[in-house]
Amino acid sequence: MTYMTRQQQAVLDCIAACPGGCATAMVLADRLRSGGQSVGLTTVYRQLERLEKQGLVHKLVTDEGACWQYCDCHAHRDCILLKCEVCGAIQHMDCAHLGELYQHVLQQHHFRINPRRTLFYGLCDRCSGEEQS
């Protein structure tokens, strides 16, 4: 395991405590400051970058801007994210079949997928059930 500074741990704990484990750097900085941490926005960005390199958070770039998602399956490093188009919920998918997909795309389409930056859009169980009702 990689050494983690107090600031990194504070940012990681803060993002894990956010609803859905997802937040912007601004939200994290505000939450940390309101919790008594003396931290600037630049520091939060720097720590998020380091946490992303360690596989502890995913950076998501959406139409609304960049946010970071806590990744509790960092030991696997090949998880992808699924985002519900209705409620906005984001969930991790860590599945053995992903390796098969990556190999297929690489061998047949000559393209290497970056699983740390992959986001699929669709409907979660709850929202797809509501659509069928």
C-alpha atoms as a PDB file:
ATOM      1  CA  MET A   1       0.000   0.000   0.000  1.00  0.00           C
ATOM      2  CA  THR A   2       1.175   3.502  -0.815  1.00  0.00           C
ATOM      3  CA  TYR A   3       1.930   6.011   1.925  1.00  0.00           C
ATOM      4  CA  MET A   4      -0.927   8.447   2.415  1.00  0.00           C
ATOM      5  CA  THR A   5      -0.510  11.915   3.884  1.00  0.00           C
ATOM      6  CA  ARG A   6      -2.992  13.342   6.389  1.00  0.00           C
ATOM      7  CA  GLN A   7      -4.357  15.645   3.680  1.00  0.00           C
ATOM      8  CA  GLN A   8      -4.836  12.752   1.263  1.00  0.00           C
ATOM      9  CA  GLN A   9      -6.614  10.747   3.943  1.00  0.00           C
ATOM     10  CA  ALA A  10      -8.800  13.728   4.823  1.00  0.00           C
ATOM     11  CA  VAL A  11      -9.802  14.223   1.164  1.00  0.00           C
ATOM     12  CA  LEU A  12     -10.432  10.494   0.729  1.00  0.00           C
ATOM     13  CA  ASP A  13     -12.532  10.310   3.905  1.00  0.00           C
ATOM     14  CA  CYS A  14     -14.454  13.410   2.841  1.00  0.00           C
ATOM     15  CA  ILE A  15     -15.279  12.080  -0.624  1.00  0.00           C
ATOM     16  CA  ALA A  16     -16.270   8.689   0.790  1.00  0.00           C
ATOM     17  CA  ALA A  17     -18.705  10.459   3.142  1.00  0.00           C
ATOM     18  CA  CYS A  18     -20.341  12.469   0.339  1.00  0.00           C
ATOM     19  CA  PRO A  19     -23.738  11.310  -0.922  1.00  0.00           C
ATOM     20  CA  GLY A  20     -23.050   8.679  -3.562  1.00  0.00           C
ATOM     21  CA  GLY A  21     -19.326   8.985  -2.857  1.00  0.00           C
ATOM     22  CA  CYS A  22     -19.082  11.655  -5.553  1.00  0.00           C
ATOM     23  CA  ALA A  23     -18.231  15.353  -5.316  1.00  0.00           C
ATOM     24  CA  THR A  24     -16.550  18.253  -7.064  1.00  0.00           C
ATOM     25  CA  ALA A  25     -13.272  19.665  -5.776  1.00  0.00           C
ATOM     26  CA  MET A  26     -15.116  22.808  -4.643  1.00  0.00           C
ATOM     27  CA  VAL A  27     -17.624  20.788  -2.607  1.00  0.00           C
ATOM     28  CA  LEU A  28     -14.800  18.795  -1.022  1.00  0.00           C
ATOM     29  CA  ALA A  29     -12.836  21.946  -0.143  1.00  0.00           C
ATOM     30  CA  ASP A  30     -15.943  23.516   1.419  1.00  0.00           C
ATOM     31  CA  ARG A  31     -16.750  20.362   3.405  1.00  0.00           C
ATOM     32  CA  LEU A  32     -13.169  20.049   4.640  1.00  0.00           C
ATOM     33  CA  ARG A  33     -13.057  23.712   5.705  1.00  0.00           C
ATOM     34  CA  SER A  34     -16.415  23.445   7.474  1.00  0.00           C
ATOM     35  CA  GLY A  35     -14.983  20.420   9.287  1.00  0.00           C
ATOM     36  CA  GLY A  36     -12.078  22.493  10.592  1.00  0.00           C
ATOM     37  CA  GLN A  37      -9.438  21.569   7.999  1.00  0.00           C
ATOM     38  CA  SER A  38      -7.306  24.418   6.686  1.00  0.00           C
ATOM     39  CA  VAL A  39      -7.175  23.458   3.018  1.00  0.00           C
ATOM     40  CA  GLY A  40      -7.201  25.359  -0.262  1.00  0.00           C
ATOM     41  CA  LEU A  41      -8.837  24.381  -3.520  1.00  0.00           C
ATOM     42  CA  THR A  42      -5.455  23.861  -5.230  1.00  0.00           C
ATOM     43  CA  THR A  43      -4.460  21.415  -2.500  1.00  0.00           C
ATOM     44  CA  VAL A  44      -7.704  19.485  -2.938  1.00  0.00           C
ATOM     45  CA  TYR A  45      -7.090  19.197  -6.701  1.00  0.00           C
ATOM     46  CA  ARG A  46      -3.523  18.028  -6.088  1.00  0.00           C
ATOM     47  CA  GLN A  47      -4.642  15.397  -3.577  1.00  0.00           C
ATOM     48  CA  LEU A  48      -7.428  14.197  -5.889  1.00  0.00           C
ATOM     49  CA  GLU A  49      -4.890  13.766  -8.685  1.00  0.00           C
ATOM     50  CA  ARG A  50      -2.700  11.638  -6.412  1.00  0.00           C
ATOM     51  CA  LEU A  51      -5.664   9.598  -5.188  1.00  0.00           C
ATOM     52  CA  GLU A  52      -6.716   8.988  -8.791  1.00  0.00           C
ATOM     53  CA  LYS A  53      -3.229   7.716  -9.679  1.00  0.00           C
ATOM     54  CA  GLN A  54      -3.450   5.346  -6.701  1.00  0.00           C
ATOM     55  CA  GLY A  55      -6.795   4.026  -7.956  1.00  0.00           C
ATOM     56  CA  LEU A  56      -8.722   5.270  -4.922  1.00  0.00           C
ATOM     57  CA  VAL A  57     -10.976   7.688  -6.829  1.00  0.00           C
ATOM     58  CA  HIS A  58     -12.303   7.975 -10.376  1.00  0.00           C
ATOM     59  CA  LYS A  59     -12.339  11.326 -12.145  1.00  0.00           C
ATOM     60  CA  LEU A  60     -15.570  11.828 -14.058  1.00  0.00           C
ATOM     61  CA  VAL A  61     -15.919  14.507 -16.693  1.00  0.00           C
ATOM     62  CA  THR A  62     -19.584  15.035 -17.458  1.00  0.00           C
ATOM     63  CA  ASP A  63     -21.687  17.767 -19.027  1.00  0.00           C
ATOM     64  CA  GLU A  64     -21.872  19.351 -15.561  1.00  0.00           C
ATOM     65  CA  GLY A  65     -18.071  19.440 -15.171  1.00  0.00           C
ATOM     66  CA  ALA A  66     -15.530  17.323 -13.317  1.00  0.00           C
ATOM     67  CA  CYS A  67     -16.271  15.379 -10.179  1.00  0.00           C
ATOM     68  CA  TRP A  68     -14.520  12.585  -8.342  1.00  0.00           C
ATOM     69  CA  GLN A  69     -16.019   9.275  -7.276  1.00  0.00           C
ATOM     70  CA  TYR A  70     -14.752   7.245  -4.335  1.00  0.00           C
ATOM     71  CA  CYS A  71     -13.678   3.766  -5.482  1.00  0.00           C
ATOM     72  CA  ASP A  72     -14.029   1.043  -2.874  1.00  0.00           C
ATOM     73  CA  CYS A  73     -12.868  -1.665  -5.288  1.00  0.00           C
ATOM     74  CA  HIS A  74      -9.407  -0.168  -5.855  1.00  0.00           C
ATOM     75  CA  ALA A  75      -7.734  -3.552  -5.419  1.00  0.00           C
ATOM     76  CA  HIS A  76      -9.175  -4.567  -8.789  1.00  0.00           C
ATOM     77  CA  ARG A  77      -8.282  -1.387 -10.723  1.00  0.00           C
ATOM     78  CA  ASP A  78     -10.353  -2.495 -13.722  1.00  0.00           C
ATOM     79  CA  CYS A  79     -13.790  -1.518 -12.496  1.00  0.00           C
ATOM     80  CA  ILE A  80     -15.908   0.814 -14.579  1.00  0.00           C
ATOM     81  CA  LEU A  81     -18.643   3.208 -13.586  1.00  0.00           C
ATOM     82  CA  LEU A  82     -22.327   3.053 -14.445  1.00  0.00           C
ATOM     83  CA  LYS A  83     -24.345   6.287 -14.305  1.00  0.00           C
ATOM     84  CA  CYS A  84     -28.131   6.363 -14.242  1.00  0.00           C
ATOM     85  CA  GLU A  85     -29.475   8.899 -16.731  1.00  0.00           C
ATOM     86  CA  VAL A  86     -32.576   9.508 -14.615  1.00  0.00           C
ATOM     87  CA  CYS A  87     -31.474   9.807 -10.971  1.00  0.00           C
ATOM     88  CA  GLY A  88     -27.746  10.386 -11.559  1.00  0.00           C
ATOM     89  CA  ALA A  89     -26.663   7.551  -9.246  1.00  0.00           C
ATOM     90  CA  ILE A  90     -23.184   6.232  -9.986  1.00  0.00           C
ATOM     91  CA  GLN A  91     -22.202   2.677  -9.187  1.00  0.00           C
ATOM     92  CA  HIS A  92     -19.060   0.625  -9.679  1.00  0.00           C
ATOM     93  CA  MET A  93     -19.047  -2.499 -11.782  1.00  0.00           C
ATOM     94  CA  ASP A  94     -16.220  -4.910 -11.100  1.00  0.00           C
ATOM     95  CA  CYS A  95     -16.847  -8.008 -13.186  1.00  0.00           C
ATOM     96  CA  ALA A  96     -14.605 -10.768 -14.531  1.00  0.00           C
ATOM     97  CA  HIS A  97     -16.152 -10.308 -17.979  1.00  0.00           C
ATOM     98  CA  LEU A  98     -14.660  -6.820 -18.258  1.00  0.00           C
ATOM     99  CA  GLY A  99     -11.264  -8.354 -19.015  1.00  0.00           C
ATOM    100  CA  GLU A 100     -12.828 -10.189 -21.953  1.00  0.00           C
ATOM    101  CA  LEU A 101     -14.295  -6.930 -23.245  1.00  0.00           C
ATOM    102  CA  TYR A 102     -10.950  -5.123 -22.948  1.00  0.00           C
ATOM    103  CA  GLN A 103      -9.175  -7.943 -24.814  1.00  0.00           C
ATOM    104  CA  HIS A 104     -11.803  -8.017 -27.565  1.00  0.00           C
ATOM    105  CA  VAL A 105     -11.605  -4.275 -28.125  1.00  0.00           C
ATOM    106  CA  LEU A 106      -7.807  -4.385 -28.141  1.00  0.00           C
ATOM    107  CA  GLN A 107      -7.481  -7.374 -30.475  1.00  0.00           C
ATOM    108  CA  GLN A 108     -10.376  -6.729 -32.835  1.00  0.00           C
ATOM    109  CA  HIS A 109     -10.546  -2.944 -32.834  1.00  0.00           C
ATOM    110  CA  HIS A 110      -6.941  -2.018 -31.964  1.00  0.00           C
ATOM    111  CA  PHE A 111      -7.991   0.249 -29.138  1.00  0.00           C
ATOM    112  CA  ARG A 112      -6.902   0.047 -25.497  1.00  0.00           C
ATOM    113  CA  ILE A 113      -9.674   0.978 -23.045  1.00  0.00           C
ATOM    114  CA  ASN A 114      -8.734   2.929 -19.931  1.00  0.00           C
ATOM    115  CA  PRO A 115     -11.033   1.370 -17.312  1.00  0.00           C
ATOM    116  CA  ARG A 116     -10.256   4.129 -14.817  1.00  0.00           C
ATOM    117  CA  ARG A 117     -11.912   6.650 -17.169  1.00  0.00           C
ATOM    118  CA  THR A 118     -14.795   4.526 -18.492  1.00  0.00           C
ATOM    119  CA  LEU A 119     -18.375   5.550 -17.746  1.00  0.00           C
ATOM    120  CA  PHE A 120     -21.452   3.799 -19.151  1.00  0.00           C
ATOM    121  CA  TYR A 121     -24.821   5.538 -19.150  1.00  0.00           C
ATOM    122  CA  GLY A 122     -28.143   3.757 -18.731  1.00  0.00           C
ATOM    123  CA  LEU A 123     -30.864   3.154 -16.140  1.00  0.00           C
ATOM    124  CA  CYS A 124     -30.455   1.745 -12.644  1.00  0.00           C
ATOM    125  CA  ASP A 125     -32.866  -0.966 -11.430  1.00  0.00           C
ATOM    126  CA  ARG A 126     -35.027   1.516  -9.554  1.00  0.00           C
ATOM    127  CA  CYS A 127     -35.416   3.934 -12.461  1.00  0.00           C
ATOM    128  CA  SER A 128     -35.902   1.231 -15.084  1.00  0.00           C
ATOM    129  CA  GLY A 129     -38.633  -0.244 -12.864  1.00  0.00           C
ATOM    130  CA  GLU A 130     -40.323   3.155 -12.635  1.00  0.00           C
ATOM    131  CA  GLU A 131     -40.230   3.513 -16.431  1.00  0.00           C
ATOM    132  CA  GLN A 132     -41.986   0.158 -16.856  1.00  0.00           C
ATOM    133  CA  SER A 133     -44.727   1.094 -14.378  1.00  0.00           C
END
